[in-house]
Amino acid sequence: MSGLAEDLQKVTAFMLKHQIAGLPRNFELVHEAFTAGNLELARELAALGTRPPQMALDQLGLKHRISAHCGVSAERLQDETLKTLTRMSNHLSLGLTQKRAFTNSVEGVIRSIREDESIGINQLLGELNLLSSIATDMIKAETALSSEVAEGLESLISADRGIRAAQAAMNRDHLTGLANRISLLQKLEEAHAEASAAKPSALVLIEILDHSGLKQQYGDEAVSKLIRGLAGIFRKAIKKHDVIARIEADTFAFVFDGINADEAHIIAERLFTTAENNLVFASATSQNAGGLPLAIGHAMAHEAPDPTSWLAIAKTATMLARQNPRQPIIGHKPGKRNVA
């Protein structure tokens, strides 16, 4: 059975055993816990026991910045924002109604005095007392409205911060802090839209070989530490404006603007060498250090009809590199069946 099939089987078995609702965001949560090496999440998820409340699962997903759960949080905050705005609008509308009523009453008193100069003092005082009563109620309403607006603004500011935090979390990989697949796809859309032979952009994919086997041999915690170390090495090896993302448990992606295919290959070689020279690891039971097997594929934006195809072409190059240990770096060559 392939590593992917084993991971899916593990996730499905856990959800069935613990009677977790089969929602896509719950599947992502369990998948992240047991296939991406997030040991803390795995422990906290197991601690919820059988039939965990959906709210508890959502809170756990938000804590660990699982993209689907962050999306749910953002939607909830947006819903609360809409309710706050509606409530403020209703209060403002009520305030305007009261002001119009007061204005009409004042105009009525003035009109009565003008039309009947013989109006008695007692009647006039009665009219003025009515206006005073209306004015008192209006001041109370205005005071309440002022407080409601202040609370509403504070609520909106808080919701805005929450939405921004949730959206940022949706675009970040929880383990490494790098951009995730969602963020990369956005970058690919932008880069592909502007790319041409004269203004090229390159996509480089680096895959850790036998990720599942490494976890079995060295343990989840060791592999998670290894991936974080690799992310740090890659981040330091590229320029500040270059894009790096972790798009799968075993795959890093890079987008380089303004370089051609030959330059992309040179950068890929440099990244491979940097990882080989700077990253060694050992199992929990052995102090013998070993290198990390990698496969690298790259493709140019202007050679793909759309961003999705661009990513697919780079994945194909990576797959061919994976199948040929003697040539771990392969670039796509348009018009040819193979890449080299």
C-alpha atoms as a PDB file:
ATOM      1  CA  MET A   1       0.000   0.000   0.000  1.00  0.00           C
ATOM      2  CA  SER A   2       1.310   3.481  -0.886  1.00  0.00           C
ATOM      3  CA  GLY A   3       2.110   6.060   1.789  1.00  0.00           C
ATOM      4  CA  LEU A   4      -0.837   8.208   0.651  1.00  0.00           C
ATOM      5  CA  ALA A   5      -3.262   5.292   0.905  1.00  0.00           C
ATOM      6  CA  GLU A   6      -1.918   4.433   4.342  1.00  0.00           C
ATOM      7  CA  ASP A   7      -2.388   8.026   5.515  1.00  0.00           C
ATOM      8  CA  LEU A   8      -5.973   8.126   4.231  1.00  0.00           C
ATOM      9  CA  GLN A   9      -6.718   4.798   5.864  1.00  0.00           C
ATOM     10  CA  LYS A  10      -5.304   6.024   9.185  1.00  0.00           C
ATOM     11  CA  VAL A  11      -7.353   9.218   9.097  1.00  0.00           C
ATOM     12  CA  THR A  12     -10.578   7.420   8.155  1.00  0.00           C
ATOM     13  CA  ALA A  13     -10.086   4.761  10.827  1.00  0.00           C
ATOM     14  CA  PHE A  14      -9.535   7.383  13.537  1.00  0.00           C
ATOM     15  CA  MET A  15     -12.632   9.361  12.532  1.00  0.00           C
ATOM     16  CA  LEU A  16     -14.796   6.233  12.512  1.00  0.00           C
ATOM     17  CA  LYS A  17     -13.430   4.975  15.830  1.00  0.00           C
ATOM     18  CA  HIS A  18     -13.969   8.325  17.565  1.00  0.00           C
ATOM     19  CA  GLN A  19     -17.258   9.042  15.770  1.00  0.00           C
ATOM     20  CA  ILE A  20     -16.089  12.372  14.394  1.00  0.00           C
ATOM     21  CA  ALA A  21     -18.519  14.031  11.983  1.00  0.00           C
ATOM     22  CA  GLY A  22     -17.418  13.522   8.385  1.00  0.00           C
ATOM     23  CA  LEU A  23     -17.015  17.211   7.578  1.00  0.00           C
ATOM     24  CA  PRO A  24     -14.197  18.296   5.239  1.00  0.00           C
ATOM     25  CA  ARG A  25     -12.700  20.532   7.918  1.00  0.00           C
ATOM     26  CA  ASN A  26     -12.691  17.632  10.404  1.00  0.00           C
ATOM     27  CA  PHE A  27     -10.936  15.407   7.870  1.00  0.00           C
ATOM     28  CA  GLU A  28      -8.307  18.122   7.378  1.00  0.00           C
ATOM     29  CA  LEU A  29      -7.895  18.400  11.155  1.00  0.00           C
ATOM     30  CA  VAL A  30      -7.321  14.661  11.653  1.00  0.00           C
ATOM     31  CA  HIS A  31      -5.122  14.492   8.554  1.00  0.00           C
ATOM     32  CA  GLU A  32      -2.953  17.300   9.922  1.00  0.00           C
ATOM     33  CA  ALA A  33      -2.682  15.550  13.292  1.00  0.00           C
ATOM     34  CA  PHE A  34      -1.629  12.139  12.066  1.00  0.00           C
ATOM     35  CA  THR A  35       0.145  12.625   8.742  1.00  0.00           C
ATOM     36  CA  ALA A  36       1.899  16.014   9.077  1.00  0.00           C
ATOM     37  CA  GLY A  37       3.747  15.276  12.308  1.00  0.00           C
ATOM     38  CA  ASN A  38       1.794  17.688  14.521  1.00  0.00           C
ATOM     39  CA  LEU A  39       2.194  15.714  17.756  1.00  0.00           C
ATOM     40  CA  GLU A  40       0.614  18.362  19.981  1.00  0.00           C
ATOM     41  CA  LEU A  41      -2.507  18.412  17.820  1.00  0.00           C
ATOM     42  CA  ALA A  42      -2.613  14.602  17.794  1.00  0.00           C
ATOM     43  CA  ARG A  43      -2.469  14.476  21.591  1.00  0.00           C
ATOM     44  CA  GLU A  44      -5.116  17.162  22.045  1.00  0.00           C
ATOM     45  CA  LEU A  45      -7.378  15.514  19.478  1.00  0.00           C
ATOM     46  CA  ALA A  46      -7.070  12.119  21.152  1.00  0.00           C
ATOM     47  CA  ALA A  47      -7.794  13.732  24.530  1.00  0.00           C
ATOM     48  CA  LEU A  48     -11.231  14.828  23.283  1.00  0.00           C
ATOM     49  CA  GLY A  49     -12.266  11.180  23.321  1.00  0.00           C
ATOM     50  CA  THR A  50     -15.188   9.630  21.475  1.00  0.00           C
ATOM     51  CA  ARG A  51     -17.857  11.848  19.892  1.00  0.00           C
ATOM     52  CA  PRO A  52     -16.063  15.164  20.507  1.00  0.00           C
ATOM     53  CA  PRO A  53     -18.302  18.264  20.235  1.00  0.00           C
ATOM     54  CA  GLN A  54     -17.939  20.089  16.929  1.00  0.00           C
ATOM     55  CA  MET A  55     -17.214  23.309  18.807  1.00  0.00           C
ATOM     56  CA  ALA A  56     -14.249  21.632  20.522  1.00  0.00           C
ATOM     57  CA  LEU A  57     -12.955  20.410  17.147  1.00  0.00           C
ATOM     58  CA  ASP A  58     -13.350  23.883  15.645  1.00  0.00           C
ATOM     59  CA  GLN A  59     -11.528  25.497  18.568  1.00  0.00           C
ATOM     60  CA  LEU A  60      -8.708  22.971  18.183  1.00  0.00           C
ATOM     61  CA  GLY A  61      -8.502  23.625  14.458  1.00  0.00           C
ATOM     62  CA  LEU A  62      -8.369  27.369  15.021  1.00  0.00           C
ATOM     63  CA  LYS A  63      -5.669  26.995  17.686  1.00  0.00           C
ATOM     64  CA  HIS A  64      -3.464  25.046  15.264  1.00  0.00           C
ATOM     65  CA  ARG A  65      -4.317  27.324  12.307  1.00  0.00           C
ATOM     66  CA  ILE A  66      -5.927  24.619  10.166  1.00  0.00           C
ATOM     67  CA  SER A  67      -7.050  26.504   7.056  1.00  0.00           C
ATOM     68  CA  ALA A  68     -10.609  25.141   6.914  1.00  0.00           C
ATOM     69  CA  HIS A  69     -11.256  25.980  10.555  1.00  0.00           C
ATOM     70  CA  CYS A  70      -9.749  29.440  10.127  1.00  0.00           C
ATOM     71  CA  GLY A  71     -12.216  29.921   7.284  1.00  0.00           C
ATOM     72  CA  VAL A  72     -15.105  28.960   9.569  1.00  0.00           C
ATOM     73  CA  SER A  73     -13.827  31.430  12.165  1.00  0.00           C
ATOM     74  CA  ALA A  74     -13.580  34.213   9.581  1.00  0.00           C
ATOM     75  CA  GLU A  75     -17.150  33.534   8.424  1.00  0.00           C
ATOM     76  CA  ARG A  76     -18.398  33.628  12.031  1.00  0.00           C
ATOM     77  CA  LEU A  77     -16.618  36.924  12.676  1.00  0.00           C
ATOM     78  CA  GLN A  78     -18.028  38.373   9.471  1.00  0.00           C
ATOM     79  CA  ASP A  79     -21.520  37.296  10.549  1.00  0.00           C
ATOM     80  CA  GLU A  80     -21.025  38.985  13.937  1.00  0.00           C
ATOM     81  CA  THR A  81     -19.820  42.121  12.161  1.00  0.00           C
ATOM     82  CA  LEU A  82     -22.956  42.203  10.018  1.00  0.00           C
ATOM     83  CA  LYS A  83     -25.151  41.815  13.117  1.00  0.00           C
ATOM     84  CA  THR A  84     -23.302  44.647  14.872  1.00  0.00           C
ATOM     85  CA  LEU A  85     -23.715  46.949  11.873  1.00  0.00           C
ATOM     86  CA  THR A  86     -27.425  46.070  11.650  1.00  0.00           C
ATOM     87  CA  ARG A  87     -27.919  46.803  15.353  1.00  0.00           C
ATOM     88  CA  MET A  88     -26.103  50.144  15.043  1.00  0.00           C
ATOM     89  CA  SER A  89     -28.167  51.022  11.981  1.00  0.00           C
ATOM     90  CA  ASN A  90     -31.412  50.295  13.853  1.00  0.00           C
ATOM     91  CA  HIS A  91     -30.343  52.496  16.766  1.00  0.00           C
ATOM     92  CA  LEU A  92     -29.403  55.331  14.415  1.00  0.00           C
ATOM     93  CA  SER A  93     -32.744  55.016  12.638  1.00  0.00           C
ATOM     94  CA  LEU A  94     -34.578  55.184  15.976  1.00  0.00           C
ATOM     95  CA  GLY A  95     -32.588  58.275  16.946  1.00  0.00           C
ATOM     96  CA  LEU A  96     -33.540  60.025  13.706  1.00  0.00           C
ATOM     97  CA  THR A  97     -37.218  59.168  14.266  1.00  0.00           C
ATOM     98  CA  GLN A  98     -37.114  60.696  17.749  1.00  0.00           C
ATOM     99  CA  LYS A  99     -35.414  63.845  16.453  1.00  0.00           C
ATOM    100  CA  ARG A 100     -38.053  64.243  13.752  1.00  0.00           C
ATOM    101  CA  ALA A 101     -40.803  63.826  16.365  1.00  0.00           C
ATOM    102  CA  PHE A 102     -39.233  66.502  18.569  1.00  0.00           C
ATOM    103  CA  THR A 103     -38.834  68.878  15.620  1.00  0.00           C
ATOM    104  CA  ASN A 104     -42.488  68.362  14.644  1.00  0.00           C
ATOM    105  CA  SER A 105     -43.599  69.047  18.219  1.00  0.00           C
ATOM    106  CA  VAL A 106     -41.596  72.301  18.393  1.00  0.00           C
ATOM    107  CA  GLU A 107     -43.028  73.410  15.062  1.00  0.00           C
ATOM    108  CA  GLY A 108     -46.521  72.581  16.340  1.00  0.00           C
ATOM    109  CA  VAL A 109     -46.112  74.750  19.440  1.00  0.00           C
ATOM    110  CA  ILE A 110     -44.751  77.650  17.408  1.00  0.00           C
ATOM    111  CA  ARG A 111     -47.619  77.326  14.954  1.00  0.00           C
ATOM    112  CA  SER A 112     -50.189  77.294  17.771  1.00  0.00           C
ATOM    113  CA  ILE A 113     -48.753  80.477  19.279  1.00  0.00           C
ATOM    114  CA  ARG A 114     -48.724  82.258  15.908  1.00  0.00           C
ATOM    115  CA  GLU A 115     -52.272  81.205  15.024  1.00  0.00           C
ATOM    116  CA  ASP A 116     -53.780  81.944  18.448  1.00  0.00           C
ATOM    117  CA  GLU A 117     -52.240  84.987  20.131  1.00  0.00           C
ATOM    118  CA  SER A 118     -54.707  84.650  22.989  1.00  0.00           C
ATOM    119  CA  ILE A 119     -53.302  81.254  24.035  1.00  0.00           C
ATOM    120  CA  GLY A 120     -53.188  81.049  27.811  1.00  0.00           C
ATOM    121  CA  ILE A 121     -50.061  80.738  29.881  1.00  0.00           C
ATOM    122  CA  ASN A 122     -51.210  77.405  31.309  1.00  0.00           C
ATOM    123  CA  GLN A 123     -51.708  75.933  27.857  1.00  0.00           C
ATOM    124  CA  LEU A 124     -48.337  77.256  26.767  1.00  0.00           C
ATOM    125  CA  LEU A 125     -46.653  75.742  29.831  1.00  0.00           C
ATOM    126  CA  GLY A 126     -48.337  72.449  29.060  1.00  0.00           C
ATOM    127  CA  GLU A 127     -46.951  72.512  25.542  1.00  0.00           C
ATOM    128  CA  LEU A 128     -43.493  73.376  26.853  1.00  0.00           C
ATOM    129  CA  ASN A 129     -43.645  70.581  29.436  1.00  0.00           C
ATOM    130  CA  LEU A 130     -44.463  68.154  26.644  1.00  0.00           C
ATOM    131  CA  LEU A 131     -41.464  69.380  24.675  1.00  0.00           C
ATOM    132  CA  SER A 132     -39.265  69.048  27.766  1.00  0.00           C
ATOM    133  CA  SER A 133     -40.441  65.488  28.279  1.00  0.00           C
ATOM    134  CA  ILE A 134     -39.718  64.611  24.649  1.00  0.00           C
ATOM    135  CA  ALA A 135     -36.300  66.290  24.873  1.00  0.00           C
ATOM    136  CA  THR A 136     -35.458  64.303  28.032  1.00  0.00           C
ATOM    137  CA  ASP A 137     -36.353  61.019  26.352  1.00  0.00           C
ATOM    138  CA  MET A 138     -34.351  62.017  23.305  1.00  0.00           C
ATOM    139  CA  ILE A 139     -31.263  62.831  25.399  1.00  0.00           C
ATOM    140  CA  LYS A 140     -31.519  59.425  27.079  1.00  0.00           C
ATOM    141  CA  ALA A 141     -31.808  57.765  23.692  1.00  0.00           C
ATOM    142  CA  GLU A 142     -28.850  59.778  22.358  1.00  0.00           C
ATOM    143  CA  THR A 143     -26.765  58.749  25.380  1.00  0.00           C
ATOM    144  CA  ALA A 144     -27.674  55.094  24.830  1.00  0.00           C
ATOM    145  CA  LEU A 145     -26.933  55.465  21.126  1.00  0.00           C
ATOM    146  CA  SER A 146     -23.515  56.987  21.860  1.00  0.00           C
ATOM    147  CA  SER A 147     -22.686  54.039  24.127  1.00  0.00           C
ATOM    148  CA  GLU A 148     -24.000  51.559  21.553  1.00  0.00           C
ATOM    149  CA  VAL A 149     -21.925  53.147  18.782  1.00  0.00           C
ATOM    150  CA  ALA A 150     -18.770  53.071  20.948  1.00  0.00           C
ATOM    151  CA  GLU A 151     -19.331  49.402  21.823  1.00  0.00           C
ATOM    152  CA  GLY A 152     -20.173  48.620  18.216  1.00  0.00           C
ATOM    153  CA  LEU A 153     -16.996  50.263  16.930  1.00  0.00           C
ATOM    154  CA  GLU A 154     -14.932  48.365  19.498  1.00  0.00           C
ATOM    155  CA  SER A 155     -16.635  45.146  18.415  1.00  0.00           C
ATOM    156  CA  LEU A 156     -15.984  45.909  14.739  1.00  0.00           C
ATOM    157  CA  ILE A 157     -12.315  46.662  15.402  1.00  0.00           C
ATOM    158  CA  SER A 158     -11.966  43.413  17.340  1.00  0.00           C
ATOM    159  CA  ALA A 159     -13.746  41.457  14.594  1.00  0.00           C
ATOM    160  CA  ASP A 160     -11.543  43.054  11.941  1.00  0.00           C
ATOM    161  CA  ARG A 161      -8.424  41.968  13.829  1.00  0.00           C
ATOM    162  CA  GLY A 162      -9.861  38.478  14.188  1.00  0.00           C
ATOM    163  CA  ILE A 163     -10.751  38.222  10.505  1.00  0.00           C
ATOM    164  CA  ARG A 164      -7.298  39.432   9.465  1.00  0.00           C
ATOM    165  CA  ALA A 165      -5.655  36.941  11.837  1.00  0.00           C
ATOM    166  CA  ALA A 166      -7.844  34.100  10.556  1.00  0.00           C
ATOM    167  CA  GLN A 167      -7.139  35.005   6.930  1.00  0.00           C
ATOM    168  CA  ALA A 168      -3.406  35.210   7.647  1.00  0.00           C
ATOM    169  CA  ALA A 169      -3.535  31.824   9.353  1.00  0.00           C
ATOM    170  CA  MET A 170      -5.319  30.366   6.339  1.00  0.00           C
ATOM    171  CA  ASN A 171      -2.294  31.305   4.231  1.00  0.00           C
ATOM    172  CA  ARG A 172       0.373  29.893   6.586  1.00  0.00           C
ATOM    173  CA  ASP A 173       1.696  26.396   7.164  1.00  0.00           C
ATOM    174  CA  HIS A 174       1.342  25.578  10.862  1.00  0.00           C
ATOM    175  CA  LEU A 175       4.581  23.587  11.160  1.00  0.00           C
ATOM    176  CA  THR A 176       7.051  25.902   9.420  1.00  0.00           C
ATOM    177  CA  GLY A 177       5.313  29.265   9.343  1.00  0.00           C
ATOM    178  CA  LEU A 178       5.868  29.391   5.584  1.00  0.00           C
ATOM    179  CA  ALA A 179       3.195  30.202   3.046  1.00  0.00           C
ATOM    180  CA  ASN A 180       0.913  27.224   2.390  1.00  0.00           C
ATOM    181  CA  ARG A 181      -0.752  25.798  -0.713  1.00  0.00           C
ATOM    182  CA  ILE A 182      -3.531  28.407  -0.713  1.00  0.00           C
ATOM    183  CA  SER A 183      -1.008  31.227  -0.640  1.00  0.00           C
ATOM    184  CA  LEU A 184       1.139  29.603  -3.325  1.00  0.00           C
ATOM    185  CA  LEU A 185      -1.819  29.217  -5.701  1.00  0.00           C
ATOM    186  CA  GLN A 186      -2.532  32.931  -5.315  1.00  0.00           C
ATOM    187  CA  LYS A 187       1.084  33.710  -6.184  1.00  0.00           C
ATOM    188  CA  LEU A 188       0.979  31.375  -9.190  1.00  0.00           C
ATOM    189  CA  GLU A 189      -2.114  33.200 -10.479  1.00  0.00           C
ATOM    190  CA  GLU A 190      -0.332  36.555 -10.216  1.00  0.00           C
ATOM    191  CA  ALA A 191       2.988  35.369 -11.645  1.00  0.00           C
ATOM    192  CA  HIS A 192       1.415  33.473 -14.550  1.00  0.00           C
ATOM    193  CA  ALA A 193      -0.758  36.445 -15.531  1.00  0.00           C
ATOM    194  CA  GLU A 194       2.360  38.613 -15.982  1.00  0.00           C
ATOM    195  CA  ALA A 195       4.755  35.967 -17.306  1.00  0.00           C
ATOM    196  CA  SER A 196       6.211  35.832 -20.809  1.00  0.00           C
ATOM    197  CA  ALA A 197       9.423  34.708 -22.466  1.00  0.00           C
ATOM    198  CA  ALA A 198      10.707  38.239 -21.906  1.00  0.00           C
ATOM    199  CA  LYS A 199       9.456  38.353 -18.327  1.00  0.00           C
ATOM    200  CA  PRO A 200       9.848  34.781 -17.076  1.00  0.00           C
ATOM    201  CA  SER A 201       8.893  33.199 -13.754  1.00  0.00           C
ATOM    202  CA  ALA A 202      10.057  29.798 -12.558  1.00  0.00           C
ATOM    203  CA  LEU A 203       8.389  27.327 -10.213  1.00  0.00           C
ATOM    204  CA  VAL A 204      10.675  24.917  -8.353  1.00  0.00           C
ATOM    205  CA  LEU A 205       9.314  21.988  -6.342  1.00  0.00           C
ATOM    206  CA  ILE A 206      11.452  20.119  -3.799  1.00  0.00           C
ATOM    207  CA  GLU A 207      10.076  16.837  -2.515  1.00  0.00           C
ATOM    208  CA  ILE A 208      11.387  14.847   0.442  1.00  0.00           C
ATOM    209  CA  LEU A 209      11.594  11.253  -0.702  1.00  0.00           C
ATOM    210  CA  ASP A 210       9.822   8.526   1.280  1.00  0.00           C
ATOM    211  CA  HIS A 211       8.350  10.890   3.851  1.00  0.00           C
ATOM    212  CA  SER A 212       6.251   8.096   5.376  1.00  0.00           C
ATOM    213  CA  GLY A 213       9.266   5.802   5.589  1.00  0.00           C
ATOM    214  CA  LEU A 214      11.286   8.487   7.342  1.00  0.00           C
ATOM    215  CA  LYS A 215       8.543   8.893   9.946  1.00  0.00           C
ATOM    216  CA  GLN A 216       8.486   5.148  10.556  1.00  0.00           C
ATOM    217  CA  GLN A 217      12.263   4.995  10.879  1.00  0.00           C
ATOM    218  CA  TYR A 218      12.963   8.173  12.842  1.00  0.00           C
ATOM    219  CA  GLY A 219       9.616   9.069  14.406  1.00  0.00           C
ATOM    220  CA  ASP A 220       7.135  11.880  13.813  1.00  0.00           C
ATOM    221  CA  GLU A 221       8.838  14.334  16.139  1.00  0.00           C
ATOM    222  CA  ALA A 222      12.240  13.893  14.506  1.00  0.00           C
ATOM    223  CA  VAL A 223      10.789  14.341  11.010  1.00  0.00           C
ATOM    224  CA  SER A 224       8.849  17.443  12.085  1.00  0.00           C
ATOM    225  CA  LYS A 225      12.067  18.898  13.460  1.00  0.00           C
ATOM    226  CA  LEU A 226      13.820  18.002  10.229  1.00  0.00           C
ATOM    227  CA  ILE A 227      11.157  19.760   8.122  1.00  0.00           C
ATOM    228  CA  ARG A 228      11.347  22.890  10.267  1.00  0.00           C
ATOM    229  CA  GLY A 229      15.121  22.854   9.912  1.00  0.00           C
ATOM    230  CA  LEU A 230      14.853  22.416   6.163  1.00  0.00           C
ATOM    231  CA  ALA A 231      12.387  25.317   5.964  1.00  0.00           C
ATOM    232  CA  GLY A 232      14.861  27.539   7.810  1.00  0.00           C
ATOM    233  CA  ILE A 233      17.705  26.529   5.502  1.00  0.00           C
ATOM    234  CA  PHE A 234      15.645  27.192   2.373  1.00  0.00           C
ATOM    235  CA  ARG A 235      14.387  30.535   3.670  1.00  0.00           C
ATOM    236  CA  LYS A 236      17.946  31.745   4.228  1.00  0.00           C
ATOM    237  CA  ALA A 237      19.093  30.422   0.842  1.00  0.00           C
ATOM    238  CA  ILE A 238      16.737  32.569  -1.240  1.00  0.00           C
ATOM    239  CA  LYS A 239      16.260  36.318  -1.661  1.00  0.00           C
ATOM    240  CA  LYS A 240      13.758  38.254   0.389  1.00  0.00           C
ATOM    241  CA  HIS A 241      11.327  38.835  -2.501  1.00  0.00           C
ATOM    242  CA  ASP A 242      11.390  35.188  -3.639  1.00  0.00           C
ATOM    243  CA  VAL A 243       8.420  33.027  -2.619  1.00  0.00           C
ATOM    244  CA  ILE A 244       8.740  29.838  -0.581  1.00  0.00           C
ATOM    245  CA  ALA A 245       5.826  27.667   0.552  1.00  0.00           C
ATOM    246  CA  ARG A 246       5.194  24.248   2.052  1.00  0.00           C
ATOM    247  CA  ILE A 247       2.354  22.897  -0.061  1.00  0.00           C
ATOM    248  CA  GLU A 248       2.294  19.278   1.091  1.00  0.00           C
ATOM    249  CA  ALA A 249       3.690  17.352   4.049  1.00  0.00           C
ATOM    250  CA  ASP A 250       6.740  16.430   1.965  1.00  0.00           C
ATOM    251  CA  THR A 251       6.904  19.224  -0.612  1.00  0.00           C
ATOM    252  CA  PHE A 252       8.300  22.761  -0.701  1.00  0.00           C
ATOM    253  CA  ALA A 253       7.594  25.152  -3.568  1.00  0.00           C
ATOM    254  CA  PHE A 254       9.525  28.224  -4.741  1.00  0.00           C
ATOM    255  CA  VAL A 255       8.567  30.948  -7.206  1.00  0.00           C
ATOM    256  CA  PHE A 256      11.363  33.001  -8.749  1.00  0.00           C
ATOM    257  CA  ASP A 257      10.541  35.993 -10.937  1.00  0.00           C
ATOM    258  CA  GLY A 258      12.848  37.270 -13.663  1.00  0.00           C
ATOM    259  CA  ILE A 259      14.915  34.101 -14.247  1.00  0.00           C
ATOM    260  CA  ASN A 260      15.040  31.707 -17.185  1.00  0.00           C
ATOM    261  CA  ALA A 261      15.034  27.900 -17.193  1.00  0.00           C
ATOM    262  CA  ASP A 262      18.838  27.599 -17.035  1.00  0.00           C
ATOM    263  CA  GLU A 263      18.972  29.951 -14.078  1.00  0.00           C
ATOM    264  CA  ALA A 264      16.126  28.032 -12.393  1.00  0.00           C
ATOM    265  CA  HIS A 265      18.177  24.828 -12.755  1.00  0.00           C
ATOM    266  CA  ILE A 266      21.219  26.487 -11.207  1.00  0.00           C
ATOM    267  CA  ILE A 267      19.123  27.713  -8.273  1.00  0.00           C
ATOM    268  CA  ALA A 268      17.640  24.228  -7.853  1.00  0.00           C
ATOM    269  CA  GLU A 269      21.149  22.762  -7.733  1.00  0.00           C
ATOM    270  CA  ARG A 270      22.162  25.348  -5.141  1.00  0.00           C
ATOM    271  CA  LEU A 271      19.137  24.553  -2.978  1.00  0.00           C
ATOM    272  CA  PHE A 272      19.896  20.836  -3.255  1.00  0.00           C
ATOM    273  CA  THR A 273      23.523  21.361  -2.245  1.00  0.00           C
ATOM    274  CA  THR A 274      22.574  23.733   0.572  1.00  0.00           C
ATOM    275  CA  ALA A 275      20.202  21.167   2.044  1.00  0.00           C
ATOM    276  CA  GLU A 276      22.740  18.381   1.582  1.00  0.00           C
ATOM    277  CA  ASN A 277      25.513  20.351   3.303  1.00  0.00           C
ATOM    278  CA  ASN A 278      23.502  21.843   6.143  1.00  0.00           C
ATOM    279  CA  LEU A 279      20.931  19.264   7.141  1.00  0.00           C
ATOM    280  CA  VAL A 280      21.761  15.964   8.815  1.00  0.00           C
ATOM    281  CA  PHE A 281      19.607  13.962  11.189  1.00  0.00           C
ATOM    282  CA  ALA A 282      19.673  10.913  13.396  1.00  0.00           C
ATOM    283  CA  SER A 283      17.055   8.539  14.715  1.00  0.00           C
ATOM    284  CA  ALA A 284      15.963   8.435  18.332  1.00  0.00           C
ATOM    285  CA  THR A 285      17.890   5.191  18.830  1.00  0.00           C
ATOM    286  CA  SER A 286      20.967   5.938  16.775  1.00  0.00           C
ATOM    287  CA  GLN A 287      23.473   8.763  16.632  1.00  0.00           C
ATOM    288  CA  ASN A 288      24.453   7.952  13.052  1.00  0.00           C
ATOM    289  CA  ALA A 289      23.647  10.997  10.978  1.00  0.00           C
ATOM    290  CA  GLY A 290      22.327  10.750   7.458  1.00  0.00           C
ATOM    291  CA  GLY A 291      21.528  13.027   4.537  1.00  0.00           C
ATOM    292  CA  LEU A 292      18.045  13.789   3.313  1.00  0.00           C
ATOM    293  CA  PRO A 293      16.966  12.317  -0.053  1.00  0.00           C
ATOM    294  CA  LEU A 294      15.344  14.976  -2.259  1.00  0.00           C
ATOM    295  CA  ALA A 295      13.817  15.180  -5.722  1.00  0.00           C
ATOM    296  CA  ILE A 296      13.524  18.543  -7.499  1.00  0.00           C
ATOM    297  CA  GLY A 297      11.502  19.575 -10.533  1.00  0.00           C
ATOM    298  CA  HIS A 298      11.069  22.983 -12.143  1.00  0.00           C
ATOM    299  CA  ALA A 299       8.991  24.594 -14.884  1.00  0.00           C
ATOM    300  CA  MET A 300       8.495  28.022 -16.453  1.00  0.00           C
ATOM    301  CA  ALA A 301       5.241  29.966 -16.247  1.00  0.00           C
ATOM    302  CA  HIS A 302       5.091  31.027 -19.887  1.00  0.00           C
ATOM    303  CA  GLU A 303       5.384  27.387 -21.005  1.00  0.00           C
ATOM    304  CA  ALA A 304       2.112  26.477 -19.262  1.00  0.00           C
ATOM    305  CA  PRO A 305      -1.386  27.511 -20.462  1.00  0.00           C
ATOM    306  CA  ASP A 306      -2.593  28.329 -16.934  1.00  0.00           C
ATOM    307  CA  PRO A 307      -1.397  28.314 -13.295  1.00  0.00           C
ATOM    308  CA  THR A 308      -2.835  24.844 -12.581  1.00  0.00           C
ATOM    309  CA  SER A 309      -0.969  23.364 -15.554  1.00  0.00           C
ATOM    310  CA  TRP A 310       2.195  25.161 -14.448  1.00  0.00           C
ATOM    311  CA  LEU A 311       2.038  23.402 -11.092  1.00  0.00           C
ATOM    312  CA  ALA A 312       1.167  20.079 -12.752  1.00  0.00           C
ATOM    313  CA  ILE A 313       4.139  20.329 -15.131  1.00  0.00           C
ATOM    314  CA  ALA A 314       6.506  21.029 -12.245  1.00  0.00           C
ATOM    315  CA  LYS A 315       5.037  18.050 -10.371  1.00  0.00           C
ATOM    316  CA  THR A 316       5.639  15.836 -13.393  1.00  0.00           C
ATOM    317  CA  ALA A 317       9.273  16.949 -13.516  1.00  0.00           C
ATOM    318  CA  THR A 318       9.577  16.201  -9.796  1.00  0.00           C
ATOM    319  CA  MET A 319       8.049  12.761 -10.292  1.00  0.00           C
ATOM    320  CA  LEU A 320      10.626  11.960 -12.986  1.00  0.00           C
ATOM    321  CA  ALA A 321      13.406  13.165 -10.692  1.00  0.00           C
ATOM    322  CA  ARG A 322      12.014  10.900  -7.976  1.00  0.00           C
ATOM    323  CA  GLN A 323      12.203   7.936 -10.315  1.00  0.00           C
ATOM    324  CA  ASN A 324      15.812   8.662 -11.271  1.00  0.00           C
ATOM    325  CA  PRO A 325      18.075   8.957  -8.196  1.00  0.00           C
ATOM    326  CA  ARG A 326      21.048   9.659 -10.449  1.00  0.00           C
ATOM    327  CA  GLN A 327      19.338  12.781 -11.752  1.00  0.00           C
ATOM    328  CA  PRO A 328      17.551  14.302  -8.741  1.00  0.00           C
ATOM    329  CA  ILE A 329      16.957  17.667 -10.462  1.00  0.00           C
ATOM    330  CA  ILE A 330      14.870  17.795 -13.645  1.00  0.00           C
ATOM    331  CA  GLY A 331      13.452  20.753 -15.541  1.00  0.00           C
ATOM    332  CA  HIS A 332      10.520  20.713 -17.940  1.00  0.00           C
ATOM    333  CA  LYS A 333      11.374  20.966 -21.625  1.00  0.00           C
ATOM    334  CA  PRO A 334       8.419  22.085 -23.770  1.00  0.00           C
ATOM    335  CA  GLY A 335       7.678  20.069 -26.866  1.00  0.00           C
ATOM    336  CA  LYS A 336       9.375  16.933 -25.548  1.00  0.00           C
ATOM    337  CA  ARG A 337       7.899  13.867 -23.907  1.00  0.00           C
ATOM    338  CA  ASN A 338      10.610  13.779 -21.261  1.00  0.00           C
ATOM    339  CA  VAL A 339      12.298  16.468 -19.237  1.00  0.00           C
ATOM    340  CA  ALA A 340      15.955  16.877 -18.481  1.00  0.00           C
END
